[in-house]
Amino acid sequence: VNSAVIVAGGKGKRFGGEIPKQFTRIMGKELIAYSINTFLNHPQIDEVVIVTHPSWINHVKSNYPDCIVTIGGERRQDSSFKGVKATSADAEIVLIHDAARPFVSEQIITDCLSALKNADG
């Protein structure tokens, strides 16, 4: 099983506004949706986990039902760890992606998976 963890727990303080940047709408879609769709549609990704702030958990669960959703931690590394723990027990490769980076491509994902399959450990 190949898993993708999308870390979306940030509050977007530097971005300003009431809505964290990963949930800001751009061209009719939330910023996070671009990454989610790319990972969900990738032929080698079996599951997508979204790690989010507790105040956004219901929003994420209702808007992204094809994903596993979990609550993040205090720091980014805590959220990443919680995301990895939420993956399937048989996950072999876990990719971690920042929700505020919408332009990940299928090719980048493929290249990362290939590099990890050929790596030791």
PDB file of N, CA and C in Angstrom:
ATOM      1  N   VAL A   1       0.845  -1.184   0.000  1.00  0.00           N
ATOM      2  CA  VAL A   1       0.000   0.000   0.000  1.00  0.00           C
ATOM      3  C   VAL A   1       0.886   1.242   0.000  1.00  0.00           C
ATOM      4  N   ASN A   2       0.587   2.157  -0.894  1.00  0.00           N
ATOM      5  CA  ASN A   2       1.248   3.460  -0.939  1.00  0.00           C
ATOM      6  C   ASN A   2       0.273   4.503  -0.415  1.00  0.00           C
ATOM      7  N   SER A   3       0.726   5.285   0.549  1.00  0.00           N
ATOM      8  CA  SER A   3      -0.141   6.264   1.198  1.00  0.00           C
ATOM      9  C   SER A   3       0.390   7.672   0.997  1.00  0.00           C
ATOM     10  N   ALA A   4      -0.535   8.621   0.970  1.00  0.00           N
ATOM     11  CA  ALA A   4      -0.179  10.040   0.954  1.00  0.00           C
ATOM     12  C   ALA A   4      -0.785  10.682   2.188  1.00  0.00           C
ATOM     13  N   VAL A   5       0.023  11.424   2.913  1.00  0.00           N
ATOM     14  CA  VAL A   5      -0.444  12.189   4.063  1.00  0.00           C
ATOM     15  C   VAL A   5      -0.375  13.658   3.673  1.00  0.00           C
ATOM     16  N   ILE A   6      -1.509  14.328   3.722  1.00  0.00           N
ATOM     17  CA  ILE A   6      -1.558  15.755   3.414  1.00  0.00           C
ATOM     18  C   ILE A   6      -1.741  16.498   4.729  1.00  0.00           C
ATOM     19  N   VAL A   7      -0.724  17.274   5.086  1.00  0.00           N
ATOM     20  CA  VAL A   7      -0.725  17.998   6.348  1.00  0.00           C
ATOM     21  C   VAL A   7      -1.432  19.333   6.140  1.00  0.00           C
ATOM     22  N   ALA A   8      -2.582  19.488   6.824  1.00  0.00           N
ATOM     23  CA  ALA A   8      -3.428  20.676   6.645  1.00  0.00           C
ATOM     24  C   ALA A   8      -3.859  21.246   7.987  1.00  0.00           C
ATOM     25  N   GLY A   9      -2.968  21.201   8.963  1.00  0.00           N
ATOM     26  CA  GLY A   9      -3.333  21.634  10.303  1.00  0.00           C
ATOM     27  C   GLY A   9      -2.999  23.068  10.628  1.00  0.00           C
ATOM     28  N   GLY A  10      -2.333  23.755   9.694  1.00  0.00           N
ATOM     29  CA  GLY A  10      -1.921  25.129   9.965  1.00  0.00           C
ATOM     30  C   GLY A  10      -3.081  26.090  10.084  1.00  0.00           C
ATOM     31  N   LYS A  11      -2.850  27.149  10.854  1.00  0.00           N
ATOM     32  CA  LYS A  11      -3.880  28.159  11.065  1.00  0.00           C
ATOM     33  C   LYS A  11      -3.746  29.325  10.099  1.00  0.00           C
ATOM     34  N   GLY A  12      -2.642  29.399   9.363  1.00  0.00           N
ATOM     35  CA  GLY A  12      -2.462  30.446   8.365  1.00  0.00           C
ATOM     36  C   GLY A  12      -2.310  31.835   8.953  1.00  0.00           C
ATOM     37  N   LYS A  13      -1.624  31.959  10.078  1.00  0.00           N
ATOM     38  CA  LYS A  13      -1.458  33.259  10.729  1.00  0.00           C
ATOM     39  C   LYS A  13      -0.768  34.271   9.819  1.00  0.00           C
ATOM     40  N   ARG A  14       0.293  33.853   9.145  1.00  0.00           N
ATOM     41  CA  ARG A  14       1.014  34.774   8.255  1.00  0.00           C
ATOM     42  C   ARG A  14       0.183  35.146   7.043  1.00  0.00           C
ATOM     43  N   PHE A  15      -0.691  34.245   6.631  1.00  0.00           N
ATOM     44  CA  PHE A  15      -1.553  34.481   5.472  1.00  0.00           C
ATOM     45  C   PHE A  15      -2.612  35.528   5.784  1.00  0.00           C
ATOM     46  N   GLY A  16      -3.029  35.593   7.038  1.00  0.00           N
ATOM     47  CA  GLY A  16      -4.052  36.549   7.461  1.00  0.00           C
ATOM     48  C   GLY A  16      -5.443  36.029   7.148  1.00  0.00           C
ATOM     49  N   GLY A  17      -6.449  36.729   7.620  1.00  0.00           N
ATOM     50  CA  GLY A  17      -7.823  36.319   7.371  1.00  0.00           C
ATOM     51  C   GLY A  17      -8.301  35.275   8.356  1.00  0.00           C
ATOM     52  N   GLU A  18      -9.575  34.959   8.267  1.00  0.00           N
ATOM     53  CA  GLU A  18     -10.183  34.006   9.190  1.00  0.00           C
ATOM     54  C   GLU A  18     -10.064  32.566   8.711  1.00  0.00           C
ATOM     55  N   ILE A  19      -9.850  32.381   7.421  1.00  0.00           N
ATOM     56  CA  ILE A  19      -9.778  31.037   6.842  1.00  0.00           C
ATOM     57  C   ILE A  19      -8.315  30.689   6.576  1.00  0.00           C
ATOM     58  N   PRO A  20      -7.837  29.548   7.081  1.00  0.00           N
ATOM     59  CA  PRO A  20      -6.466  29.127   6.768  1.00  0.00           C
ATOM     60  C   PRO A  20      -6.277  28.994   5.255  1.00  0.00           C
ATOM     61  N   LYS A  21      -5.074  29.281   4.787  1.00  0.00           N
ATOM     62  CA  LYS A  21      -4.873  29.333   3.328  1.00  0.00           C
ATOM     63  C   LYS A  21      -5.206  28.030   2.622  1.00  0.00           C
ATOM     64  N   GLN A  22      -5.035  26.874   3.275  1.00  0.00           N
ATOM     65  CA  GLN A  22      -5.346  25.611   2.609  1.00  0.00           C
ATOM     66  C   GLN A  22      -6.833  25.465   2.296  1.00  0.00           C
ATOM     67  N   PHE A  23      -7.676  26.260   2.964  1.00  0.00           N
ATOM     68  CA  PHE A  23      -9.119  26.200   2.715  1.00  0.00           C
ATOM     69  C   PHE A  23      -9.637  27.413   1.941  1.00  0.00           C
ATOM     70  N   THR A  24      -8.733  28.294   1.539  1.00  0.00           N
ATOM     71  CA  THR A  24      -9.107  29.436   0.712  1.00  0.00           C
ATOM     72  C   THR A  24      -9.486  28.935  -0.676  1.00  0.00           C
ATOM     73  N   ARG A  25     -10.512  29.527  -1.253  1.00  0.00           N
ATOM     74  CA  ARG A  25     -10.982  29.103  -2.579  1.00  0.00           C
ATOM     75  C   ARG A  25     -10.215  29.853  -3.668  1.00  0.00           C
ATOM     76  N   ILE A  26      -9.709  29.086  -4.617  1.00  0.00           N
ATOM     77  CA  ILE A  26      -9.021  29.630  -5.785  1.00  0.00           C
ATOM     78  C   ILE A  26      -9.608  28.945  -7.007  1.00  0.00           C
ATOM     79  N   MET A  27     -10.133  29.741  -7.912  1.00  0.00           N
ATOM     80  CA  MET A  27     -10.773  29.228  -9.120  1.00  0.00           C
ATOM     81  C   MET A  27     -11.860  28.203  -8.778  1.00  0.00           C
ATOM     82  N   GLY A  28     -12.645  28.522  -7.742  1.00  0.00           N
ATOM     83  CA  GLY A  28     -13.799  27.702  -7.395  1.00  0.00           C
ATOM     84  C   GLY A  28     -13.531  26.489  -6.532  1.00  0.00           C
ATOM     85  N   LYS A  29     -12.269  26.242  -6.159  1.00  0.00           N
ATOM     86  CA  LYS A  29     -11.933  25.072  -5.342  1.00  0.00           C
ATOM     87  C   LYS A  29     -11.041  25.493  -4.187  1.00  0.00           C
ATOM     88  N   GLU A  30     -11.160  24.780  -3.090  1.00  0.00           N
ATOM     89  CA  GLU A  30     -10.243  25.033  -1.987  1.00  0.00           C
ATOM     90  C   GLU A  30      -8.827  24.658  -2.415  1.00  0.00           C
ATOM     91  N   LEU A  31      -7.855  25.407  -1.921  1.00  0.00           N
ATOM     92  CA  LEU A  31      -6.461  25.160  -2.272  1.00  0.00           C
ATOM     93  C   LEU A  31      -6.075  23.699  -2.016  1.00  0.00           C
ATOM     94  N   ILE A  32      -6.502  23.151  -0.902  1.00  0.00           N
ATOM     95  CA  ILE A  32      -6.184  21.770  -0.549  1.00  0.00           C
ATOM     96  C   ILE A  32      -6.746  20.770  -1.559  1.00  0.00           C
ATOM     97  N   ALA A  33      -7.854  21.105  -2.194  1.00  0.00           N
ATOM     98  CA  ALA A  33      -8.516  20.179  -3.130  1.00  0.00           C
ATOM     99  C   ALA A  33      -7.629  19.829  -4.317  1.00  0.00           C
ATOM    100  N   TYR A  34      -6.790  20.755  -4.738  1.00  0.00           N
ATOM    101  CA  TYR A  34      -5.915  20.478  -5.884  1.00  0.00           C
ATOM    102  C   TYR A  34      -4.963  19.321  -5.559  1.00  0.00           C
ATOM    103  N   SER A  35      -4.334  19.362  -4.396  1.00  0.00           N
ATOM    104  CA  SER A  35      -3.430  18.276  -3.999  1.00  0.00           C
ATOM    105  C   SER A  35      -4.187  16.981  -3.745  1.00  0.00           C
ATOM    106  N   ILE A  36      -5.312  17.084  -3.052  1.00  0.00           N
ATOM    107  CA  ILE A  36      -6.100  15.883  -2.759  1.00  0.00           C
ATOM    108  C   ILE A  36      -6.480  15.170  -4.048  1.00  0.00           C
ATOM    109  N   ASN A  37      -6.977  15.906  -5.011  1.00  0.00           N
ATOM    110  CA  ASN A  37      -7.390  15.293  -6.282  1.00  0.00           C
ATOM    111  C   ASN A  37      -6.222  14.650  -7.012  1.00  0.00           C
ATOM    112  N   THR A  38      -5.070  15.299  -6.987  1.00  0.00           N
ATOM    113  CA  THR A  38      -3.895  14.733  -7.662  1.00  0.00           C
ATOM    114  C   THR A  38      -3.495  13.406  -7.025  1.00  0.00           C
ATOM    115  N   PHE A  39      -3.470  13.363  -5.707  1.00  0.00           N
ATOM    116  CA  PHE A  39      -3.106  12.112  -5.027  1.00  0.00           C
ATOM    117  C   PHE A  39      -4.181  11.042  -5.196  1.00  0.00           C
ATOM    118  N   LEU A  40      -5.452  11.414  -5.048  1.00  0.00           N
ATOM    119  CA  LEU A  40      -6.530  10.426  -5.200  1.00  0.00           C
ATOM    120  C   LEU A  40      -6.563   9.812  -6.594  1.00  0.00           C
ATOM    121  N   ASN A  41      -6.205  10.591  -7.593  1.00  0.00           N
ATOM    122  CA  ASN A  41      -6.258  10.113  -8.976  1.00  0.00           C
ATOM    123  C   ASN A  41      -4.970   9.454  -9.447  1.00  0.00           C
ATOM    124  N   HIS A  42      -3.951   9.439  -8.604  1.00  0.00           N
ATOM    125  CA  HIS A  42      -2.688   8.813  -8.997  1.00  0.00           C
ATOM    126  C   HIS A  42      -2.846   7.292  -8.934  1.00  0.00           C
ATOM    127  N   PRO A  43      -2.471   6.589  -9.992  1.00  0.00           N
ATOM    128  CA  PRO A  43      -2.685   5.136 -10.032  1.00  0.00           C
ATOM    129  C   PRO A  43      -1.887   4.341  -8.998  1.00  0.00           C
ATOM    130  N   GLN A  44      -0.835   4.928  -8.443  1.00  0.00           N
ATOM    131  CA  GLN A  44      -0.014   4.195  -7.474  1.00  0.00           C
ATOM    132  C   GLN A  44      -0.283   4.594  -6.018  1.00  0.00           C
ATOM    133  N   ILE A  45      -1.196   5.513  -5.801  1.00  0.00           N
ATOM    134  CA  ILE A  45      -1.551   5.914  -4.435  1.00  0.00           C
ATOM    135  C   ILE A  45      -2.835   5.190  -4.042  1.00  0.00           C
ATOM    136  N   ASP A  46      -2.759   4.474  -2.938  1.00  0.00           N
ATOM    137  CA  ASP A  46      -3.882   3.650  -2.491  1.00  0.00           C
ATOM    138  C   ASP A  46      -4.774   4.332  -1.461  1.00  0.00           C
ATOM    139  N   GLU A  47      -4.226   5.267  -0.720  1.00  0.00           N
ATOM    140  CA  GLU A  47      -5.027   5.966   0.281  1.00  0.00           C
ATOM    141  C   GLU A  47      -4.456   7.358   0.520  1.00  0.00           C
ATOM    142  N   VAL A  48      -5.342   8.262   0.905  1.00  0.00           N
ATOM    143  CA  VAL A  48      -4.947   9.631   1.220  1.00  0.00           C
ATOM    144  C   VAL A  48      -5.442   9.947   2.625  1.00  0.00           C
ATOM    145  N   VAL A  49      -4.527  10.413   3.458  1.00  0.00           N
ATOM    146  CA  VAL A  49      -4.838  10.825   4.822  1.00  0.00           C
ATOM    147  C   VAL A  49      -4.696  12.340   4.894  1.00  0.00           C
ATOM    148  N   ILE A  50      -5.700  12.999   5.450  1.00  0.00           N
ATOM    149  CA  ILE A  50      -5.623  14.444   5.660  1.00  0.00           C
ATOM    150  C   ILE A  50      -5.521  14.684   7.160  1.00  0.00           C
ATOM    151  N   VAL A  51      -4.524  15.456   7.551  1.00  0.00           N
ATOM    152  CA  VAL A  51      -4.325  15.815   8.950  1.00  0.00           C
ATOM    153  C   VAL A  51      -4.722  17.279   9.090  1.00  0.00           C
ATOM    154  N   THR A  52      -5.678  17.560   9.966  1.00  0.00           N
ATOM    155  CA  THR A  52      -6.189  18.924  10.059  1.00  0.00           C
ATOM    156  C   THR A  52      -6.372  19.376  11.502  1.00  0.00           C
ATOM    157  N   HIS A  53      -6.617  20.653  11.652  1.00  0.00           N
ATOM    158  CA  HIS A  53      -6.878  21.265  12.959  1.00  0.00           C
ATOM    159  C   HIS A  53      -8.254  20.801  13.449  1.00  0.00           C
ATOM    160  N   PRO A  54      -8.422  20.609  14.760  1.00  0.00           N
ATOM    161  CA  PRO A  54      -9.717  20.136  15.274  1.00  0.00           C
ATOM    162  C   PRO A  54     -10.918  20.977  14.840  1.00  0.00           C
ATOM    163  N   SER A  55     -10.730  22.272  14.685  1.00  0.00           N
ATOM    164  CA  SER A  55     -11.863  23.121  14.303  1.00  0.00           C
ATOM    165  C   SER A  55     -12.292  22.925  12.848  1.00  0.00           C
ATOM    166  N   TRP A  56     -11.482  22.240  12.056  1.00  0.00           N
ATOM    167  CA  TRP A  56     -11.799  22.007  10.643  1.00  0.00           C
ATOM    168  C   TRP A  56     -12.128  20.545  10.346  1.00  0.00           C
ATOM    169  N   ILE A  57     -12.122  19.694  11.362  1.00  0.00           N
ATOM    170  CA  ILE A  57     -12.288  18.254  11.139  1.00  0.00           C
ATOM    171  C   ILE A  57     -13.610  17.915  10.461  1.00  0.00           C
ATOM    172  N   ASN A  58     -14.710  18.501  10.902  1.00  0.00           N
ATOM    173  CA  ASN A  58     -16.012  18.200  10.293  1.00  0.00           C
ATOM    174  C   ASN A  58     -16.072  18.685   8.853  1.00  0.00           C
ATOM    175  N   HIS A  59     -15.511  19.843   8.598  1.00  0.00           N
ATOM    176  CA  HIS A  59     -15.471  20.381   7.236  1.00  0.00           C
ATOM    177  C   HIS A  59     -14.716  19.428   6.310  1.00  0.00           C
ATOM    178  N   VAL A  60     -13.550  18.988   6.752  1.00  0.00           N
ATOM    179  CA  VAL A  60     -12.718  18.112   5.918  1.00  0.00           C
ATOM    180  C   VAL A  60     -13.402  16.764   5.708  1.00  0.00           C
ATOM    181  N   LYS A  61     -13.959  16.192   6.757  1.00  0.00           N
ATOM    182  CA  LYS A  61     -14.640  14.895   6.617  1.00  0.00           C
ATOM    183  C   LYS A  61     -15.813  14.978   5.646  1.00  0.00           C
ATOM    184  N   SER A  62     -16.575  16.060   5.703  1.00  0.00           N
ATOM    185  CA  SER A  62     -17.750  16.156   4.825  1.00  0.00           C
ATOM    186  C   SER A  62     -17.385  16.511   3.389  1.00  0.00           C
ATOM    187  N   ASN A  63     -16.298  17.242   3.195  1.00  0.00           N
ATOM    188  CA  ASN A  63     -15.926  17.660   1.843  1.00  0.00           C
ATOM    189  C   ASN A  63     -14.983  16.698   1.126  1.00  0.00           C
ATOM    190  N   TYR A  64     -14.315  15.842   1.876  1.00  0.00           N
ATOM    191  CA  TYR A  64     -13.353  14.914   1.268  1.00  0.00           C
ATOM    192  C   TYR A  64     -13.600  13.495   1.796  1.00  0.00           C
ATOM    193  N   PRO A  65     -14.764  12.928   1.469  1.00  0.00           N
ATOM    194  CA  PRO A  65     -15.164  11.627   2.033  1.00  0.00           C
ATOM    195  C   PRO A  65     -14.309  10.445   1.572  1.00  0.00           C
ATOM    196  N   ASP A  66     -13.545  10.610   0.509  1.00  0.00           N
ATOM    197  CA  ASP A  66     -12.702   9.511   0.025  1.00  0.00           C
ATOM    198  C   ASP A  66     -11.367   9.437   0.762  1.00  0.00           C
ATOM    199  N   CYS A  67     -11.186  10.313   1.723  1.00  0.00           N
ATOM    200  CA  CYS A  67      -9.925  10.378   2.460  1.00  0.00           C
ATOM    201  C   CYS A  67     -10.118   9.956   3.912  1.00  0.00           C
ATOM    202  N   ILE A  68      -9.036   9.507   4.504  1.00  0.00           N
ATOM    203  CA  ILE A  68      -8.985   9.272   5.944  1.00  0.00           C
ATOM    204  C   ILE A  68      -8.660  10.630   6.565  1.00  0.00           C
ATOM    205  N   VAL A  69      -9.361  11.002   7.618  1.00  0.00           N
ATOM    206  CA  VAL A  69      -9.144  12.318   8.228  1.00  0.00           C
ATOM    207  C   VAL A  69      -8.797  12.135   9.696  1.00  0.00           C
ATOM    208  N   THR A  70      -7.763  12.849  10.139  1.00  0.00           N
ATOM    209  CA  THR A  70      -7.350  12.783  11.534  1.00  0.00           C
ATOM    210  C   THR A  70      -6.950  14.174  12.009  1.00  0.00           C
ATOM    211  N   ILE A  71      -6.902  14.333  13.317  1.00  0.00           N
ATOM    212  CA  ILE A  71      -6.546  15.617  13.925  1.00  0.00           C
ATOM    213  C   ILE A  71      -5.036  15.705  14.078  1.00  0.00           C
ATOM    214  N   GLY A  72      -4.510  16.892  13.796  1.00  0.00           N
ATOM    215  CA  GLY A  72      -3.081  17.126  13.884  1.00  0.00           C
ATOM    216  C   GLY A  72      -2.602  17.391  15.301  1.00  0.00           C
ATOM    217  N   GLY A  73      -1.314  17.674  15.408  1.00  0.00           N
ATOM    218  CA  GLY A  73      -0.688  17.940  16.694  1.00  0.00           C
ATOM    219  C   GLY A  73      -0.296  19.396  16.836  1.00  0.00           C
ATOM    220  N   GLU A  74       0.463  19.680  17.872  1.00  0.00           N
ATOM    221  CA  GLU A  74       0.901  21.046  18.154  1.00  0.00           C
ATOM    222  C   GLU A  74       1.809  21.598  17.057  1.00  0.00           C
ATOM    223  N   ARG A  75       2.751  20.782  16.607  1.00  0.00           N
ATOM    224  CA  ARG A  75       3.721  21.221  15.596  1.00  0.00           C
ATOM    225  C   ARG A  75       3.554  20.394  14.327  1.00  0.00           C
ATOM    226  N   ARG A  76       4.157  20.874  13.246  1.00  0.00           N
ATOM    227  CA  ARG A  76       4.027  20.169  11.968  1.00  0.00           C
ATOM    228  C   ARG A  76       4.529  18.732  12.078  1.00  0.00           C
ATOM    229  N   GLN A  77       5.646  18.537  12.757  1.00  0.00           N
ATOM    230  CA  GLN A  77       6.180  17.176  12.871  1.00  0.00           C
ATOM    231  C   GLN A  77       5.236  16.275  13.666  1.00  0.00           C
ATOM    232  N   ASP A  78       4.518  16.839  14.634  1.00  0.00           N
ATOM    233  CA  ASP A  78       3.523  16.053  15.375  1.00  0.00           C
ATOM    234  C   ASP A  78       2.373  15.652  14.455  1.00  0.00           C
ATOM    235  N   SER A  79       1.952  16.589  13.622  1.00  0.00           N
ATOM    236  CA  SER A  79       0.869  16.302  12.672  1.00  0.00           C
ATOM    237  C   SER A  79       1.302  15.259  11.655  1.00  0.00           C
ATOM    238  N   SER A  80       2.531  15.370  11.172  1.00  0.00           N
ATOM    239  CA  SER A  80       3.042  14.384  10.220  1.00  0.00           C
ATOM    240  C   SER A  80       3.049  12.992  10.850  1.00  0.00           C
ATOM    241  N   PHE A  81       3.494  12.912  12.089  1.00  0.00           N
ATOM    242  CA  PHE A  81       3.536  11.633  12.804  1.00  0.00           C
ATOM    243  C   PHE A  81       2.132  11.052  12.958  1.00  0.00           C
ATOM    244  N   LYS A  82       1.169  11.895  13.340  1.00  0.00           N
ATOM    245  CA  LYS A  82      -0.211  11.424  13.483  1.00  0.00           C
ATOM    246  C   LYS A  82      -0.764  10.948  12.141  1.00  0.00           C
ATOM    247  N   GLY A  83      -0.391  11.623  11.064  1.00  0.00           N
ATOM    248  CA  GLY A  83      -0.826  11.204   9.737  1.00  0.00           C
ATOM    249  C   GLY A  83      -0.267   9.848   9.361  1.00  0.00           C
ATOM    250  N   VAL A  84       1.006   9.635   9.635  1.00  0.00           N
ATOM    251  CA  VAL A  84       1.630   8.338   9.349  1.00  0.00           C
ATOM    252  C   VAL A  84       0.949   7.245  10.171  1.00  0.00           C
ATOM    253  N   LYS A  85       0.644   7.535  11.430  1.00  0.00           N
ATOM    254  CA  LYS A  85      -0.032   6.550  12.284  1.00  0.00           C
ATOM    255  C   LYS A  85      -1.434   6.217  11.776  1.00  0.00           C
ATOM    256  N   ALA A  86      -2.059   7.137  11.041  1.00  0.00           N
ATOM    257  CA  ALA A  86      -3.423   6.915  10.536  1.00  0.00           C
ATOM    258  C   ALA A  86      -3.452   6.114   9.233  1.00  0.00           C
ATOM    259  N   THR A  87      -2.286   5.858   8.643  1.00  0.00           N
ATOM    260  CA  THR A  87      -2.252   5.076   7.405  1.00  0.00           C
ATOM    261  C   THR A  87      -2.520   3.603   7.712  1.00  0.00           C
ATOM    262  N   SER A  88      -2.777   2.845   6.671  1.00  0.00           N
ATOM    263  CA  SER A  88      -3.016   1.406   6.811  1.00  0.00           C
ATOM    264  C   SER A  88      -1.809   0.723   7.437  1.00  0.00           C
ATOM    265  N   ALA A  89      -2.072  -0.339   8.164  1.00  0.00           N
ATOM    266  CA  ALA A  89      -1.000  -1.090   8.814  1.00  0.00           C
ATOM    267  C   ALA A  89      -0.013  -1.657   7.803  1.00  0.00           C
ATOM    268  N   ASP A  90      -0.487  -1.910   6.583  1.00  0.00           N
ATOM    269  CA  ASP A  90       0.396  -2.481   5.564  1.00  0.00           C
ATOM    270  C   ASP A  90       0.967  -1.430   4.610  1.00  0.00           C
ATOM    271  N   ALA A  91       0.956  -0.172   5.022  1.00  0.00           N
ATOM    272  CA  ALA A  91       1.553   0.881   4.188  1.00  0.00           C
ATOM    273  C   ALA A  91       3.053   0.645   4.075  1.00  0.00           C
ATOM    274  N   GLU A  92       3.538   0.621   2.848  1.00  0.00           N
ATOM    275  CA  GLU A  92       4.965   0.419   2.606  1.00  0.00           C
ATOM    276  C   GLU A  92       5.675   1.738   2.365  1.00  0.00           C
ATOM    277  N   ILE A  93       5.012   2.624   1.633  1.00  0.00           N
ATOM    278  CA  ILE A  93       5.568   3.940   1.336  1.00  0.00           C
ATOM    279  C   ILE A  93       4.543   4.983   1.753  1.00  0.00           C
ATOM    280  N   VAL A  94       5.024   6.004   2.467  1.00  0.00           N
ATOM    281  CA  VAL A  94       4.164   7.112   2.883  1.00  0.00           C
ATOM    282  C   VAL A  94       4.797   8.408   2.394  1.00  0.00           C
ATOM    283  N   LEU A  95       4.071   9.122   1.558  1.00  0.00           N
ATOM    284  CA  LEU A  95       4.505  10.440   1.104  1.00  0.00           C
ATOM    285  C   LEU A  95       3.818  11.484   1.969  1.00  0.00           C
ATOM    286  N   ILE A  96       4.561  12.499   2.406  1.00  0.00           N
ATOM    287  CA  ILE A  96       3.988  13.577   3.212  1.00  0.00           C
ATOM    288  C   ILE A  96       4.022  14.849   2.384  1.00  0.00           C
ATOM    289  N   HIS A  97       2.856  15.502   2.293  1.00  0.00           N
ATOM    290  CA  HIS A  97       2.711  16.686   1.439  1.00  0.00           C
ATOM    291  C   HIS A  97       2.029  17.808   2.214  1.00  0.00           C
ATOM    292  N   ASP A  98       2.458  19.024   1.969  1.00  0.00           N
ATOM    293  CA  ASP A  98       1.890  20.207   2.606  1.00  0.00           C
ATOM    294  C   ASP A  98       0.657  20.665   1.834  1.00  0.00           C
ATOM    295  N   ALA A  99      -0.465  20.821   2.532  1.00  0.00           N
ATOM    296  CA  ALA A  99      -1.739  21.186   1.896  1.00  0.00           C
ATOM    297  C   ALA A  99      -1.691  22.530   1.180  1.00  0.00           C
ATOM    298  N   ALA A 100      -0.791  23.404   1.594  1.00  0.00           N
ATOM    299  CA  ALA A 100      -0.722  24.734   0.994  1.00  0.00           C
ATOM    300  C   ALA A 100       0.147  24.764  -0.265  1.00  0.00           C
ATOM    301  N   ARG A 101       0.540  23.609  -0.769  1.00  0.00           N
ATOM    302  CA  ARG A 101       1.342  23.508  -2.004  1.00  0.00           C
ATOM    303  C   ARG A 101       0.500  22.771  -3.041  1.00  0.00           C
ATOM    304  N   PRO A 102      -0.310  23.489  -3.805  1.00  0.00           N
ATOM    305  CA  PRO A 102      -1.317  22.847  -4.664  1.00  0.00           C
ATOM    306  C   PRO A 102      -0.812  22.275  -5.982  1.00  0.00           C
ATOM    307  N   PHE A 103       0.421  22.550  -6.350  1.00  0.00           N
ATOM    308  CA  PHE A 103       0.842  22.197  -7.706  1.00  0.00           C
ATOM    309  C   PHE A 103       1.680  20.928  -7.797  1.00  0.00           C
ATOM    310  N   VAL A 104       1.488  20.005  -6.877  1.00  0.00           N
ATOM    311  CA  VAL A 104       2.157  18.715  -7.006  1.00  0.00           C
ATOM    312  C   VAL A 104       1.578  18.021  -8.245  1.00  0.00           C
ATOM    313  N   SER A 105       2.448  17.402  -9.012  1.00  0.00           N
ATOM    314  CA  SER A 105       1.996  16.760 -10.253  1.00  0.00           C
ATOM    315  C   SER A 105       2.054  15.241 -10.129  1.00  0.00           C
ATOM    316  N   GLU A 106       1.370  14.586 -11.041  1.00  0.00           N
ATOM    317  CA  GLU A 106       1.426  13.128 -11.085  1.00  0.00           C
ATOM    318  C   GLU A 106       2.867  12.660 -11.277  1.00  0.00           C
ATOM    319  N   GLN A 107       3.630  13.374 -12.094  1.00  0.00           N
ATOM    320  CA  GLN A 107       5.016  12.985 -12.357  1.00  0.00           C
ATOM    321  C   GLN A 107       5.886  13.105 -11.108  1.00  0.00           C
ATOM    322  N   ILE A 108       5.693  14.160 -10.335  1.00  0.00           N
ATOM    323  CA  ILE A 108       6.461  14.310  -9.090  1.00  0.00           C
ATOM    324  C   ILE A 108       6.156  13.147  -8.149  1.00  0.00           C
ATOM    325  N   ILE A 109       4.897  12.795  -8.028  1.00  0.00           N
ATOM    326  CA  ILE A 109       4.504  11.677  -7.160  1.00  0.00           C
ATOM    327  C   ILE A 109       5.133  10.378  -7.658  1.00  0.00           C
ATOM    328  N   THR A 110       5.051  10.138  -8.957  1.00  0.00           N
ATOM    329  CA  THR A 110       5.640   8.935  -9.551  1.00  0.00           C
ATOM    330  C   THR A 110       7.140   8.883  -9.298  1.00  0.00           C
ATOM    331  N   ASP A 111       7.816  10.006  -9.492  1.00  0.00           N
ATOM    332  CA  ASP A 111       9.267  10.056  -9.273  1.00  0.00           C
ATOM    333  C   ASP A 111       9.626   9.784  -7.811  1.00  0.00           C
ATOM    334  N   CYS A 112       8.860  10.340  -6.891  1.00  0.00           N
ATOM    335  CA  CYS A 112       9.110  10.096  -5.463  1.00  0.00           C
ATOM    336  C   CYS A 112       8.911   8.623  -5.120  1.00  0.00           C
ATOM    337  N   LEU A 113       7.829   8.041  -5.617  1.00  0.00           N
ATOM    338  CA  LEU A 113       7.570   6.621  -5.353  1.00  0.00           C
ATOM    339  C   LEU A 113       8.675   5.744  -5.928  1.00  0.00           C
ATOM    340  N   SER A 114       9.120   6.052  -7.141  1.00  0.00           N
ATOM    341  CA  SER A 114      10.191   5.266  -7.772  1.00  0.00           C
ATOM    342  C   SER A 114      11.485   5.361  -6.976  1.00  0.00           C
ATOM    343  N   ALA A 115      11.817   6.563  -6.539  1.00  0.00           N
ATOM    344  CA  ALA A 115      13.046   6.752  -5.765  1.00  0.00           C
ATOM    345  C   ALA A 115      12.981   5.989  -4.446  1.00  0.00           C
ATOM    346  N   LEU A 116      11.836   6.006  -3.805  1.00  0.00           N
ATOM    347  CA  LEU A 116      11.700   5.316  -2.522  1.00  0.00           C
ATOM    348  C   LEU A 116      11.688   3.798  -2.685  1.00  0.00           C
ATOM    349  N   LYS A 117      11.138   3.304  -3.780  1.00  0.00           N
ATOM    350  CA  LYS A 117      11.124   1.854  -4.010  1.00  0.00           C
ATOM    351  C   LYS A 117      12.528   1.314  -4.224  1.00  0.00           C
ATOM    352  N   ASN A 118      13.411   2.166  -4.726  1.00  0.00           N
ATOM    353  CA  ASN A 118      14.779   1.746  -5.012  1.00  0.00           C
ATOM    354  C   ASN A 118      15.763   2.120  -3.910  1.00  0.00           C
ATOM    355  N   ALA A 119      15.270   2.688  -2.816  1.00  0.00           N
ATOM    356  CA  ALA A 119      16.142   3.129  -1.729  1.00  0.00           C
ATOM    357  C   ALA A 119      16.298   2.033  -0.683  1.00  0.00           C
ATOM    358  N   ASP A 120      17.432   2.043  -0.029  1.00  0.00           N
ATOM    359  CA  ASP A 120      17.652   1.119   1.083  1.00  0.00           C
ATOM    360  C   ASP A 120      16.973   1.678   2.327  1.00  0.00           C
ATOM    361  N   GLY A 121      16.287   0.808   3.070  1.00  0.00           N
ATOM    362  CA  GLY A 121      15.673   1.204   4.342  1.00  0.00           C
ATOM    363  C   GLY A 121      14.454   1.955   4.125  1.00  0.00           C
TER     364      GLY A 121
END
